Structures are given as C-alpha cells and as structure tokens.
Amino acid sequence: MKVSNTHLYLTLSNYGKVIPLKDRISDPEDLIDWTEKEFKYVRYNPRKDINRYGLSITSLDGGLSGRPDLDSLTEYNYELGNFTPDNFIKEEDMNVPTPVYNYPSMKNLCDEWQPHLFRTHIIRIDPGGYFPPHRDHTNVNLESLRLIMPLKNCEAPQLTFILDNDIINWQQGRLYFIDTAKMHYLFNPSFEPAYMLVMNVGVNSHSVQNIINKFQYR
C-alpha cells in the first residue's frame, strides 16, 4: 500500500520539530564571503518592504534573477493567472542549479539530496529584517519539507528564530530538519546581516528515510 506524503511528513515530525543531521559545511563563513564577492543578493519577496534578500542555489532556469524562486509562489502565480495544475509553478519546478551550486562544499551538500532537491537558496536577513508568524504548509497534502542550515550570525539574540513558541538553538554549518508546518517567525535585531541556507526537499519514502539515516543522534 502506498503511503501518502502527508503520512510520511507526520512520521518524520514525530521524531522532533528541530532535528540536527550529520550533513555539515566546514566553511560556512568562507562560503558567504564568496557569495557576497561574486554575486548580487536580490530582494526576497519584492512586494514586502522588509530587509530580506536571497541568492538562488537552484532556480526555474538556472539564473539568479530571483524570479520566481525568491518570490511568494502563491502571489506570483496569482499575478500571472496560473490557476491550473498545468501552469502553476511549484517548488519542484525550481530545481535547475545556478552558479552558486558549484561552490565545492555546497555542491557536495546538495548532491546528497538529488534528485529530490527543489527550490534552494541562501536567505540574508539584514538588520531589522524579519519573517512574521506563519506556516509554510496550509494544505492537506505536504509535498515538500524544509532543511535549514545556519551559515553566519544566526545564534540568538543576533538572529532569533522561534518555532512553536521555542527559540531554536543551533550550530552554524550544520543542517537541520525544521518542522515549518508549525508556526514560526524570526527577526534580526542586531547590526550585522544573518545568513541561512533553505533547502526544499520533496516528501517521499526515499528522502524521508535519507533524513532518518542522517540523524546526528540515533
């Protein structure tokens, strides 16, 4: 009997809402310095005047415009009139590597999640930047999950990430499964930008088992 995506997601979330994995990047600050030198971060969700920027690691066309991969997909599709399953742009459509993907430690990390890696990017939250309380999933079929890696200046109180009313304490350069179906929000009250990697991975038996196999503590 085929197990539904939602059932697989709920099975994984039973292990915890913040789960450290074995996957790591040993040079996260060097990675960030390289991206700032070589590329231009663009506004994350340009409809919102908030100090948030992003850099695509995968995108719809392999480019770095950020459109639509750093936009709200719901709002983007609505503006274009994409209302049918055939033309609605989804997380899984933004899977073409950009030049950022080829940074050695980034490529090693991302290759571990292929061919189930969907929309993936670095988010930069500048001083005063924030994400208001929200959930990443609001429908009955959970088709993707979030893996997040803090890269630079992400420890509270420099960046405060609150999930289900608890502040996340995490290790820079380590990958985490974060149950973002739960309510969460974050803000940067400091004087330095904070950077994190956000990976969207397709929910299926292979990817969920891969996460379980990568638990830091088993």
N, C-alpha and C. Protein backbone atom coordinates (compact mmCIF):
# COMPACT_ATOMS: atom_id res chain seq x y z
N MET A 1 0.85 -1.20 0.00
CA MET A 1 0.00 0.00 0.00
C MET A 1 0.88 1.25 0.00
N LYS A 2 0.58 2.17 -0.89
CA LYS A 2 1.35 3.40 -0.97
C LYS A 2 1.05 4.31 0.22
N VAL A 3 2.12 4.83 0.82
CA VAL A 3 1.98 5.73 1.96
C VAL A 3 1.92 7.16 1.44
N SER A 4 0.98 7.96 1.91
CA SER A 4 0.82 9.33 1.43
C SER A 4 1.98 10.21 1.89
N ASN A 5 2.19 11.30 1.14
CA ASN A 5 3.23 12.27 1.50
C ASN A 5 2.98 12.84 2.89
N THR A 6 1.72 13.13 3.17
CA THR A 6 1.39 13.71 4.47
C THR A 6 1.72 12.74 5.60
N HIS A 7 1.43 11.48 5.40
CA HIS A 7 1.75 10.47 6.42
C HIS A 7 3.26 10.39 6.63
N LEU A 8 4.04 10.43 5.55
CA LEU A 8 5.50 10.40 5.66
C LEU A 8 6.01 11.62 6.42
N TYR A 9 5.45 12.79 6.11
CA TYR A 9 5.86 14.01 6.80
C TYR A 9 5.56 13.92 8.30
N LEU A 10 4.37 13.46 8.63
CA LEU A 10 3.99 13.35 10.03
C LEU A 10 4.84 12.31 10.76
N THR A 11 5.21 11.25 10.07
CA THR A 11 6.11 10.26 10.66
C THR A 11 7.44 10.90 11.02
N LEU A 12 7.97 11.70 10.10
CA LEU A 12 9.24 12.38 10.36
C LEU A 12 9.10 13.38 11.50
N SER A 13 8.02 14.14 11.53
CA SER A 13 7.85 15.16 12.57
C SER A 13 7.68 14.55 13.95
N ASN A 14 7.31 13.27 14.01
CA ASN A 14 7.22 12.60 15.32
C ASN A 14 8.58 12.48 16.00
N TYR A 15 9.64 12.53 15.23
CA TYR A 15 10.99 12.44 15.80
C TYR A 15 11.43 13.76 16.43
N GLY A 16 10.76 14.85 16.09
CA GLY A 16 11.11 16.15 16.67
C GLY A 16 10.82 17.26 15.69
N LYS A 17 10.70 18.48 16.22
CA LYS A 17 10.43 19.62 15.35
C LYS A 17 11.71 20.32 14.89
N VAL A 18 12.83 20.07 15.59
CA VAL A 18 14.15 20.56 15.17
C VAL A 18 15.11 19.39 15.31
N ILE A 19 15.55 18.83 14.19
CA ILE A 19 16.36 17.62 14.23
C ILE A 19 17.71 17.89 13.57
N PRO A 20 18.81 17.85 14.33
CA PRO A 20 20.13 18.02 13.73
C PRO A 20 20.52 16.79 12.90
N LEU A 21 21.10 17.04 11.74
CA LEU A 21 21.53 15.98 10.84
C LEU A 21 23.06 15.92 10.77
N LYS A 22 23.57 14.87 10.19
CA LYS A 22 25.02 14.70 10.08
C LYS A 22 25.63 15.62 9.03
N ASP A 23 24.84 16.06 8.07
CA ASP A 23 25.36 16.90 6.99
C ASP A 23 25.87 18.23 7.53
N ARG A 24 27.07 18.60 7.09
CA ARG A 24 27.67 19.85 7.54
C ARG A 24 28.44 20.51 6.40
N ILE A 25 28.65 21.81 6.53
CA ILE A 25 29.58 22.56 5.69
C ILE A 25 30.66 23.10 6.62
N SER A 26 31.91 22.81 6.30
CA SER A 26 33.01 23.17 7.21
C SER A 26 33.44 24.63 7.07
N ASP A 27 33.03 25.28 5.99
CA ASP A 27 33.50 26.65 5.73
C ASP A 27 32.33 27.61 5.47
N PRO A 28 31.32 27.66 6.35
CA PRO A 28 30.13 28.47 6.04
C PRO A 28 30.43 29.96 5.86
N GLU A 29 31.33 30.51 6.67
CA GLU A 29 31.61 31.94 6.54
C GLU A 29 32.41 32.23 5.27
N ASP A 30 33.30 31.32 4.88
CA ASP A 30 34.01 31.48 3.61
C ASP A 30 33.03 31.43 2.44
N LEU A 31 32.05 30.54 2.54
CA LEU A 31 31.01 30.45 1.51
C LEU A 31 30.28 31.78 1.39
N ILE A 32 29.88 32.34 2.52
CA ILE A 32 29.14 33.61 2.49
C ILE A 32 30.01 34.72 1.92
N ASP A 33 31.26 34.80 2.32
CA ASP A 33 32.17 35.82 1.78
C ASP A 33 32.28 35.69 0.26
N TRP A 34 32.35 34.45 -0.21
CA TRP A 34 32.46 34.20 -1.65
C TRP A 34 31.19 34.66 -2.38
N THR A 35 30.04 34.35 -1.82
CA THR A 35 28.80 34.75 -2.49
C THR A 35 28.67 36.27 -2.55
N GLU A 36 29.05 36.94 -1.48
CA GLU A 36 28.93 38.41 -1.47
C GLU A 36 29.90 39.05 -2.46
N LYS A 37 31.02 38.40 -2.69
CA LYS A 37 32.01 38.93 -3.63
C LYS A 37 31.61 38.66 -5.08
N GLU A 38 31.04 37.49 -5.34
CA GLU A 38 30.82 37.06 -6.72
C GLU A 38 29.43 37.35 -7.26
N PHE A 39 28.43 37.54 -6.38
CA PHE A 39 27.05 37.63 -6.84
C PHE A 39 26.32 38.78 -6.15
N LYS A 40 25.13 39.06 -6.65
CA LYS A 40 24.29 40.09 -6.06
C LYS A 40 23.06 39.44 -5.43
N TYR A 41 22.87 39.63 -4.15
CA TYR A 41 21.65 39.19 -3.48
C TYR A 41 20.50 40.10 -3.93
N VAL A 42 19.34 39.50 -4.15
CA VAL A 42 18.19 40.28 -4.62
C VAL A 42 17.08 40.23 -3.57
N ARG A 43 16.16 41.15 -3.69
CA ARG A 43 15.10 41.26 -2.70
C ARG A 43 14.30 39.97 -2.61
N TYR A 44 14.09 39.49 -1.39
CA TYR A 44 13.26 38.32 -1.15
C TYR A 44 11.82 38.77 -1.02
N ASN A 45 10.95 38.26 -1.88
CA ASN A 45 9.55 38.68 -1.98
C ASN A 45 9.47 40.20 -2.12
N PRO A 46 9.67 40.70 -3.34
CA PRO A 46 9.79 42.15 -3.55
C PRO A 46 8.54 42.95 -3.21
N ARG A 47 7.42 42.28 -3.00
CA ARG A 47 6.20 43.01 -2.63
C ARG A 47 6.25 43.51 -1.19
N LYS A 48 7.17 42.96 -0.40
CA LYS A 48 7.27 43.32 1.01
C LYS A 48 8.52 44.18 1.22
N ASP A 49 8.33 45.36 1.80
CA ASP A 49 9.45 46.26 2.06
C ASP A 49 10.11 45.88 3.39
N ILE A 50 10.79 44.74 3.38
CA ILE A 50 11.45 44.20 4.57
C ILE A 50 12.90 43.90 4.20
N ASN A 51 13.80 44.07 5.15
CA ASN A 51 15.23 43.88 4.88
C ASN A 51 15.59 42.40 4.77
N ARG A 52 15.12 41.77 3.67
CA ARG A 52 15.40 40.37 3.42
C ARG A 52 15.84 40.23 1.96
N TYR A 53 16.91 39.47 1.77
CA TYR A 53 17.46 39.27 0.44
C TYR A 53 17.80 37.79 0.26
N GLY A 54 17.97 37.38 -0.99
CA GLY A 54 18.26 35.98 -1.23
C GLY A 54 19.18 35.78 -2.40
N LEU A 55 19.74 34.57 -2.48
CA LEU A 55 20.60 34.17 -3.58
C LEU A 55 20.24 32.73 -3.92
N SER A 56 19.82 32.53 -5.15
CA SER A 56 19.32 31.22 -5.57
C SER A 56 20.45 30.23 -5.77
N ILE A 57 20.26 29.03 -5.23
CA ILE A 57 21.17 27.92 -5.49
C ILE A 57 20.57 27.00 -6.55
N THR A 58 19.25 26.86 -6.55
CA THR A 58 18.52 26.31 -7.69
C THR A 58 17.43 27.30 -8.05
N SER A 59 17.05 27.28 -9.30
CA SER A 59 16.01 28.21 -9.75
C SER A 59 15.25 27.59 -10.91
N LEU A 60 14.31 28.34 -11.44
CA LEU A 60 13.48 27.83 -12.53
C LEU A 60 14.29 27.62 -13.80
N ASP A 61 15.25 28.52 -14.05
CA ASP A 61 16.00 28.47 -15.31
C ASP A 61 17.52 28.43 -15.11
N GLY A 62 17.97 28.26 -13.87
CA GLY A 62 19.41 28.27 -13.61
C GLY A 62 19.99 29.66 -13.46
N GLY A 63 19.15 30.68 -13.50
CA GLY A 63 19.60 32.06 -13.37
C GLY A 63 19.48 32.58 -11.96
N LEU A 64 19.92 33.82 -11.76
CA LEU A 64 19.99 34.42 -10.44
C LEU A 64 19.09 35.65 -10.29
N SER A 65 18.07 35.74 -11.15
CA SER A 65 17.17 36.89 -11.06
C SER A 65 16.32 36.85 -9.80
N GLY A 66 16.13 35.65 -9.24
CA GLY A 66 15.26 35.51 -8.07
C GLY A 66 13.80 35.40 -8.40
N ARG A 67 13.45 35.44 -9.67
CA ARG A 67 12.06 35.38 -10.07
C ARG A 67 11.81 34.11 -10.88
N PRO A 68 10.91 33.27 -10.37
CA PRO A 68 10.06 33.44 -9.19
C PRO A 68 10.60 32.76 -7.93
N ASP A 69 11.83 32.29 -7.97
CA ASP A 69 12.31 31.40 -6.89
C ASP A 69 12.57 32.11 -5.58
N LEU A 70 12.63 33.43 -5.55
CA LEU A 70 12.73 34.16 -4.29
C LEU A 70 11.47 35.00 -4.03
N ASP A 71 10.41 34.59 -4.69
CA ASP A 71 9.14 35.30 -4.57
C ASP A 71 8.15 34.42 -3.83
N SER A 72 7.04 34.99 -3.46
CA SER A 72 5.93 34.21 -2.96
C SER A 72 5.29 33.50 -4.15
N LEU A 73 5.33 32.17 -4.17
CA LEU A 73 4.80 31.45 -5.31
C LEU A 73 3.29 31.66 -5.46
N THR A 74 2.61 31.74 -4.34
CA THR A 74 1.16 31.98 -4.40
C THR A 74 0.87 33.31 -5.07
N GLU A 75 1.56 34.36 -4.64
CA GLU A 75 1.31 35.69 -5.20
C GLU A 75 1.79 35.78 -6.64
N TYR A 76 2.92 35.15 -6.95
CA TYR A 76 3.46 35.16 -8.31
C TYR A 76 2.51 34.48 -9.27
N ASN A 77 2.03 33.29 -8.91
CA ASN A 77 1.10 32.57 -9.77
C ASN A 77 -0.20 33.33 -9.93
N TYR A 78 -0.65 33.96 -8.86
CA TYR A 78 -1.90 34.73 -8.93
C TYR A 78 -1.76 35.88 -9.93
N GLU A 79 -0.63 36.59 -9.88
CA GLU A 79 -0.42 37.72 -10.78
C GLU A 79 -0.41 37.28 -12.24
N LEU A 80 0.15 36.08 -12.51
CA LEU A 80 0.24 35.59 -13.88
C LEU A 80 -1.03 34.86 -14.33
N GLY A 81 -1.95 34.65 -13.39
CA GLY A 81 -3.16 33.91 -13.73
C GLY A 81 -2.93 32.43 -13.88
N ASN A 82 -1.91 31.92 -13.16
CA ASN A 82 -1.61 30.49 -13.21
C ASN A 82 -2.47 29.75 -12.19
N PHE A 83 -3.62 29.31 -12.61
CA PHE A 83 -4.56 28.72 -11.67
C PHE A 83 -4.78 27.22 -11.89
N THR A 84 -4.26 26.67 -12.97
CA THR A 84 -4.47 25.26 -13.26
C THR A 84 -3.20 24.47 -12.94
N PRO A 85 -3.33 23.18 -12.67
CA PRO A 85 -2.14 22.36 -12.35
C PRO A 85 -1.08 22.37 -13.44
N ASP A 86 -1.50 22.58 -14.70
CA ASP A 86 -0.55 22.54 -15.81
C ASP A 86 0.38 23.75 -15.84
N ASN A 87 -0.09 24.90 -15.38
CA ASN A 87 0.77 26.09 -15.48
C ASN A 87 1.15 26.68 -14.12
N PHE A 88 0.67 26.11 -13.03
CA PHE A 88 1.02 26.61 -11.70
C PHE A 88 2.46 26.24 -11.39
N ILE A 89 3.31 27.23 -11.09
CA ILE A 89 4.71 26.99 -10.78
C ILE A 89 4.83 26.53 -9.34
N LYS A 90 5.52 25.42 -9.14
CA LYS A 90 5.62 24.80 -7.82
C LYS A 90 7.07 24.72 -7.36
N GLU A 91 7.25 24.38 -6.08
CA GLU A 91 8.60 24.24 -5.52
C GLU A 91 9.46 23.32 -6.37
N GLU A 92 8.88 22.21 -6.82
CA GLU A 92 9.64 21.20 -7.53
C GLU A 92 10.12 21.66 -8.91
N ASP A 93 9.51 22.73 -9.44
CA ASP A 93 9.91 23.24 -10.75
C ASP A 93 11.23 24.01 -10.70
N MET A 94 11.62 24.45 -9.52
CA MET A 94 12.82 25.30 -9.40
C MET A 94 14.00 24.45 -8.92
N ASN A 95 14.42 23.56 -9.82
CA ASN A 95 15.44 22.59 -9.46
C ASN A 95 16.68 22.65 -10.34
N VAL A 96 16.83 23.72 -11.12
CA VAL A 96 17.98 23.85 -12.02
C VAL A 96 19.11 24.55 -11.28
N PRO A 97 20.29 23.92 -11.17
CA PRO A 97 21.40 24.54 -10.42
C PRO A 97 21.83 25.87 -11.03
N THR A 98 22.12 26.83 -10.16
CA THR A 98 22.71 28.10 -10.57
C THR A 98 24.22 28.03 -10.35
N PRO A 99 24.98 29.04 -10.74
CA PRO A 99 26.44 29.01 -10.49
C PRO A 99 26.81 28.88 -9.02
N VAL A 100 25.92 29.30 -8.10
CA VAL A 100 26.21 29.19 -6.67
C VAL A 100 26.28 27.72 -6.24
N TYR A 101 25.54 26.88 -6.92
CA TYR A 101 25.50 25.44 -6.61
C TYR A 101 26.90 24.83 -6.69
N ASN A 102 27.76 25.38 -7.57
CA ASN A 102 29.04 24.76 -7.86
C ASN A 102 30.14 25.04 -6.84
N TYR A 103 29.86 25.86 -5.83
CA TYR A 103 30.84 26.03 -4.75
C TYR A 103 31.05 24.64 -4.13
N PRO A 104 32.31 24.18 -4.00
CA PRO A 104 32.57 22.76 -3.67
C PRO A 104 31.78 22.20 -2.50
N SER A 105 31.80 22.87 -1.35
CA SER A 105 31.09 22.31 -0.20
C SER A 105 29.58 22.39 -0.39
N MET A 106 29.10 23.39 -1.12
CA MET A 106 27.67 23.48 -1.41
C MET A 106 27.24 22.36 -2.34
N LYS A 107 28.04 22.12 -3.37
CA LYS A 107 27.71 21.05 -4.31
C LYS A 107 27.69 19.69 -3.62
N ASN A 108 28.67 19.44 -2.76
CA ASN A 108 28.71 18.17 -2.04
C ASN A 108 27.44 17.98 -1.20
N LEU A 109 27.01 19.07 -0.56
CA LEU A 109 25.82 19.00 0.27
C LEU A 109 24.57 18.77 -0.58
N CYS A 110 24.39 19.57 -1.60
CA CYS A 110 23.17 19.50 -2.40
C CYS A 110 23.06 18.18 -3.17
N ASP A 111 24.20 17.68 -3.64
CA ASP A 111 24.17 16.41 -4.38
C ASP A 111 23.62 15.27 -3.53
N GLU A 112 23.77 15.37 -2.22
CA GLU A 112 23.28 14.34 -1.31
C GLU A 112 21.75 14.21 -1.36
N TRP A 113 21.07 15.26 -1.84
CA TRP A 113 19.60 15.29 -1.80
C TRP A 113 18.97 15.17 -3.16
N GLN A 114 19.79 15.02 -4.18
CA GLN A 114 19.25 14.81 -5.51
C GLN A 114 18.74 13.37 -5.66
N PRO A 115 17.73 13.12 -6.48
CA PRO A 115 17.03 14.08 -7.36
C PRO A 115 15.79 14.70 -6.72
N HIS A 116 15.77 14.80 -5.41
CA HIS A 116 14.58 15.28 -4.71
C HIS A 116 14.75 16.71 -4.20
N LEU A 117 15.81 17.39 -4.66
CA LEU A 117 16.06 18.77 -4.22
C LEU A 117 15.23 19.73 -5.04
N PHE A 118 14.40 20.53 -4.36
CA PHE A 118 13.56 21.52 -5.03
C PHE A 118 14.18 22.91 -4.83
N ARG A 119 13.35 23.90 -4.69
CA ARG A 119 13.80 25.29 -4.55
C ARG A 119 14.76 25.44 -3.36
N THR A 120 15.95 25.95 -3.64
CA THR A 120 17.01 26.05 -2.62
C THR A 120 17.71 27.39 -2.77
N HIS A 121 17.98 28.05 -1.65
CA HIS A 121 18.58 29.38 -1.71
C HIS A 121 19.20 29.75 -0.36
N ILE A 122 20.01 30.79 -0.40
CA ILE A 122 20.51 31.42 0.82
C ILE A 122 19.65 32.64 1.08
N ILE A 123 19.20 32.78 2.31
CA ILE A 123 18.46 33.97 2.72
C ILE A 123 19.36 34.84 3.60
N ARG A 124 19.41 36.11 3.29
CA ARG A 124 20.13 37.09 4.11
C ARG A 124 19.11 37.99 4.79
N ILE A 125 19.12 37.96 6.11
CA ILE A 125 18.22 38.83 6.88
C ILE A 125 19.06 39.99 7.41
N ASP A 126 18.87 41.15 6.83
CA ASP A 126 19.65 42.32 7.24
C ASP A 126 19.12 42.87 8.56
N PRO A 127 19.90 43.77 9.22
CA PRO A 127 19.42 44.36 10.48
C PRO A 127 18.01 44.92 10.33
N GLY A 128 17.16 44.55 11.27
CA GLY A 128 15.76 44.96 11.21
C GLY A 128 14.88 44.05 10.38
N GLY A 129 15.49 43.08 9.69
CA GLY A 129 14.71 42.17 8.87
C GLY A 129 14.00 41.13 9.71
N TYR A 130 12.92 40.60 9.17
CA TYR A 130 12.13 39.63 9.92
C TYR A 130 11.22 38.84 8.99
N PHE A 131 10.74 37.71 9.47
CA PHE A 131 9.61 36.99 8.88
C PHE A 131 8.53 36.96 9.95
N PRO A 132 7.34 37.43 9.64
CA PRO A 132 6.27 37.43 10.65
C PRO A 132 5.77 36.01 10.90
N PRO A 133 4.98 35.80 11.95
CA PRO A 133 4.46 34.46 12.24
C PRO A 133 3.72 33.88 11.04
N HIS A 134 4.06 32.65 10.70
CA HIS A 134 3.43 31.99 9.55
C HIS A 134 3.70 30.50 9.59
N ARG A 135 3.05 29.76 8.72
CA ARG A 135 3.30 28.34 8.48
C ARG A 135 3.64 28.17 7.01
N ASP A 136 4.57 27.25 6.71
CA ASP A 136 4.94 27.04 5.32
C ASP A 136 3.99 26.10 4.60
N HIS A 137 3.14 25.41 5.34
CA HIS A 137 2.20 24.47 4.73
C HIS A 137 0.79 24.76 5.25
N THR A 138 -0.13 24.92 4.33
CA THR A 138 -1.51 25.21 4.75
C THR A 138 -2.51 24.37 3.96
N ASN A 139 -2.04 23.22 3.44
CA ASN A 139 -2.98 22.33 2.75
C ASN A 139 -2.79 20.90 3.27
N VAL A 140 -3.65 20.00 2.83
CA VAL A 140 -3.66 18.65 3.40
C VAL A 140 -2.58 17.76 2.81
N ASN A 141 -2.05 18.12 1.65
CA ASN A 141 -1.01 17.30 1.03
C ASN A 141 0.33 17.99 1.15
N LEU A 142 1.21 17.46 2.00
CA LEU A 142 2.51 18.07 2.24
C LEU A 142 3.51 17.49 1.26
N GLU A 143 3.83 18.25 0.21
CA GLU A 143 4.65 17.75 -0.88
C GLU A 143 6.14 18.02 -0.70
N SER A 144 6.50 18.93 0.20
CA SER A 144 7.91 19.24 0.42
C SER A 144 8.16 19.50 1.90
N LEU A 145 9.42 19.43 2.28
CA LEU A 145 9.81 19.70 3.66
C LEU A 145 11.00 20.65 3.63
N ARG A 146 11.30 21.23 4.79
CA ARG A 146 12.37 22.22 4.88
C ARG A 146 13.57 21.68 5.65
N LEU A 147 14.74 21.81 5.01
CA LEU A 147 16.01 21.61 5.69
C LEU A 147 16.69 22.97 5.74
N ILE A 148 17.18 23.37 6.90
CA ILE A 148 17.77 24.70 7.07
C ILE A 148 19.14 24.56 7.72
N MET A 149 20.08 25.35 7.23
CA MET A 149 21.43 25.39 7.80
C MET A 149 21.78 26.84 8.16
N PRO A 150 22.02 27.14 9.43
CA PRO A 150 22.53 28.48 9.78
C PRO A 150 23.95 28.62 9.28
N LEU A 151 24.22 29.72 8.60
CA LEU A 151 25.54 29.90 7.98
C LEU A 151 26.39 30.98 8.65
N LYS A 152 25.75 32.06 9.08
CA LYS A 152 26.52 33.15 9.68
C LYS A 152 25.58 34.04 10.50
N ASN A 153 26.00 34.36 11.74
CA ASN A 153 25.28 35.30 12.61
C ASN A 153 23.84 34.86 12.89
N CYS A 154 23.63 33.56 13.06
CA CYS A 154 22.28 33.05 13.27
C CYS A 154 21.97 32.63 14.69
N GLU A 155 22.89 32.84 15.61
CA GLU A 155 22.64 32.48 17.00
C GLU A 155 21.85 33.60 17.70
N ALA A 156 20.85 33.19 18.49
CA ALA A 156 20.12 34.18 19.29
C ALA A 156 21.07 34.78 20.32
N PRO A 157 20.98 36.09 20.61
CA PRO A 157 19.92 37.01 20.16
C PRO A 157 20.24 37.74 18.85
N GLN A 158 21.39 37.40 18.21
CA GLN A 158 21.71 38.11 16.97
C GLN A 158 20.64 37.87 15.91
N LEU A 159 20.26 36.62 15.74
CA LEU A 159 19.07 36.28 14.97
C LEU A 159 18.23 35.36 15.85
N THR A 160 16.97 35.69 16.03
CA THR A 160 16.10 34.88 16.87
C THR A 160 15.07 34.19 15.99
N PHE A 161 15.14 32.86 15.97
CA PHE A 161 14.22 32.03 15.19
C PHE A 161 13.35 31.28 16.18
N ILE A 162 12.07 31.57 16.15
CA ILE A 162 11.12 30.98 17.11
C ILE A 162 10.21 30.01 16.36
N LEU A 163 10.20 28.77 16.81
CA LEU A 163 9.39 27.71 16.22
C LEU A 163 8.47 27.15 17.29
N ASP A 164 7.16 27.24 17.06
CA ASP A 164 6.19 26.69 18.00
C ASP A 164 6.44 27.23 19.41
N ASN A 165 6.75 28.54 19.49
CA ASN A 165 6.95 29.28 20.75
C ASN A 165 8.28 28.98 21.45
N ASP A 166 9.19 28.25 20.79
CA ASP A 166 10.51 27.99 21.36
C ASP A 166 11.60 28.59 20.48
N ILE A 167 12.62 29.19 21.11
CA ILE A 167 13.76 29.72 20.38
C ILE A 167 14.66 28.56 19.94
N ILE A 168 15.02 28.53 18.66
CA ILE A 168 15.90 27.49 18.16
C ILE A 168 17.35 27.82 18.52
N ASN A 169 18.03 26.87 19.11
CA ASN A 169 19.46 26.97 19.35
C ASN A 169 20.15 25.93 18.44
N TRP A 170 21.00 26.40 17.57
CA TRP A 170 21.59 25.51 16.59
C TRP A 170 23.05 25.81 16.35
N GLN A 171 23.69 24.95 15.59
CA GLN A 171 25.13 25.01 15.34
C GLN A 171 25.38 25.49 13.92
N GLN A 172 26.17 26.53 13.79
CA GLN A 172 26.48 27.08 12.47
C GLN A 172 27.15 26.02 11.59
N GLY A 173 26.68 25.91 10.36
CA GLY A 173 27.25 24.97 9.41
C GLY A 173 26.67 23.57 9.47
N ARG A 174 25.69 23.34 10.35
CA ARG A 174 25.03 22.03 10.43
C ARG A 174 23.63 22.12 9.84
N LEU A 175 23.22 21.05 9.16
CA LEU A 175 21.90 21.01 8.54
C LEU A 175 20.88 20.45 9.52
N TYR A 176 19.67 21.02 9.48
CA TYR A 176 18.59 20.63 10.39
C TYR A 176 17.31 20.40 9.60
N PHE A 177 16.56 19.38 9.99
CA PHE A 177 15.15 19.32 9.60
C PHE A 177 14.38 20.21 10.55
N ILE A 178 13.61 21.14 9.98
CA ILE A 178 12.79 22.05 10.77
C ILE A 178 11.34 21.84 10.35
N ASP A 179 10.48 21.54 11.30
CA ASP A 179 9.07 21.29 11.00
C ASP A 179 8.36 22.64 10.85
N THR A 180 8.47 23.20 9.64
CA THR A 180 7.90 24.53 9.41
C THR A 180 6.41 24.49 9.09
N ALA A 181 5.80 23.30 9.23
CA ALA A 181 4.34 23.27 9.24
C ALA A 181 3.82 23.88 10.53
N LYS A 182 4.68 23.91 11.54
CA LYS A 182 4.34 24.58 12.80
C LYS A 182 4.57 26.09 12.66
N MET A 183 3.88 26.85 13.47
CA MET A 183 4.01 28.31 13.42
C MET A 183 5.45 28.70 13.77
N HIS A 184 6.01 29.65 13.00
CA HIS A 184 7.37 30.11 13.27
C HIS A 184 7.54 31.54 12.77
N TYR A 185 8.54 32.21 13.33
CA TYR A 185 8.89 33.55 12.89
C TYR A 185 10.33 33.83 13.32
N LEU A 186 10.94 34.84 12.73
CA LEU A 186 12.32 35.17 13.07
C LEU A 186 12.55 36.65 12.83
N PHE A 187 13.56 37.18 13.52
CA PHE A 187 13.88 38.59 13.37
C PHE A 187 15.35 38.82 13.71
N ASN A 188 15.91 39.86 13.11
CA ASN A 188 17.31 40.23 13.32
C ASN A 188 17.37 41.62 13.95
N PRO A 189 17.58 41.69 15.27
CA PRO A 189 17.65 42.98 15.94
C PRO A 189 19.08 43.52 16.05
N SER A 190 20.03 42.83 15.40
CA SER A 190 21.44 43.17 15.57
C SER A 190 21.89 44.18 14.51
N PHE A 191 23.21 44.40 14.44
CA PHE A 191 23.77 45.35 13.47
C PHE A 191 24.46 44.65 12.32
N GLU A 192 24.37 43.32 12.25
CA GLU A 192 25.02 42.55 11.19
C GLU A 192 24.00 41.67 10.48
N PRO A 193 24.18 41.43 9.18
CA PRO A 193 23.27 40.54 8.48
C PRO A 193 23.45 39.09 8.93
N ALA A 194 22.39 38.33 8.89
CA ALA A 194 22.42 36.91 9.21
C ALA A 194 22.09 36.12 7.94
N TYR A 195 22.72 34.96 7.80
CA TYR A 195 22.57 34.15 6.58
C TYR A 195 22.18 32.73 6.95
N MET A 196 21.24 32.18 6.19
CA MET A 196 20.89 30.78 6.37
C MET A 196 20.57 30.14 5.02
N LEU A 197 20.86 28.86 4.93
CA LEU A 197 20.53 28.08 3.76
C LEU A 197 19.17 27.43 3.96
N VAL A 198 18.31 27.53 2.95
CA VAL A 198 16.99 26.91 3.00
C VAL A 198 16.87 25.95 1.82
N MET A 199 16.65 24.67 2.13
CA MET A 199 16.50 23.65 1.11
C MET A 199 15.08 23.08 1.18
N ASN A 200 14.40 23.07 0.07
CA ASN A 200 13.11 22.40 -0.03
C ASN A 200 13.32 21.04 -0.68
N VAL A 201 12.90 20.01 0.00
CA VAL A 201 13.13 18.64 -0.46
C VAL A 201 11.78 17.95 -0.62
N GLY A 202 11.61 17.22 -1.71
CA GLY A 202 10.37 16.51 -1.95
C GLY A 202 10.11 15.45 -0.89
N VAL A 203 8.87 15.35 -0.47
CA VAL A 203 8.48 14.35 0.53
C VAL A 203 8.16 13.04 -0.19
N ASN A 204 8.97 12.04 0.06
CA ASN A 204 8.73 10.69 -0.45
C ASN A 204 9.48 9.72 0.46
N SER A 205 9.26 8.45 0.27
CA SER A 205 9.87 7.47 1.17
C SER A 205 11.39 7.52 1.13
N HIS A 206 11.97 7.82 -0.04
CA HIS A 206 13.42 7.87 -0.15
C HIS A 206 14.00 9.04 0.62
N SER A 207 13.44 10.24 0.43
CA SER A 207 14.00 11.42 1.08
C SER A 207 13.79 11.38 2.59
N VAL A 208 12.63 10.89 3.03
CA VAL A 208 12.37 10.81 4.47
C VAL A 208 13.30 9.79 5.11
N GLN A 209 13.51 8.65 4.46
CA GLN A 209 14.44 7.66 5.01
C GLN A 209 15.86 8.21 5.02
N ASN A 210 16.22 9.01 4.01
CA ASN A 210 17.54 9.62 3.96
C ASN A 210 17.75 10.54 5.15
N ILE A 211 16.73 11.31 5.52
CA ILE A 211 16.82 12.18 6.69
C ILE A 211 17.00 11.35 7.96
N ILE A 212 16.21 10.31 8.08
CA ILE A 212 16.32 9.46 9.28
C ILE A 212 17.72 8.84 9.37
N ASN A 213 18.26 8.43 8.24
CA ASN A 213 19.61 7.85 8.23
C ASN A 213 20.68 8.87 8.62
N LYS A 214 20.36 10.16 8.43
CA LYS A 214 21.33 11.22 8.70
C LYS A 214 21.15 11.86 10.06
N PHE A 215 20.23 11.35 10.88
CA PHE A 215 20.09 11.92 12.23
C PHE A 215 21.45 11.95 12.93
N GLN A 216 21.76 13.10 13.52
CA GLN A 216 23.02 13.19 14.27
C GLN A 216 23.02 12.24 15.46
N TYR A 217 21.87 12.12 16.10
CA TYR A 217 21.74 11.24 17.26
C TYR A 217 20.71 10.16 16.93
N ARG A 218 21.14 8.91 16.96
CA ARG A 218 20.24 7.80 16.60
C ARG A 218 20.22 6.79 17.73
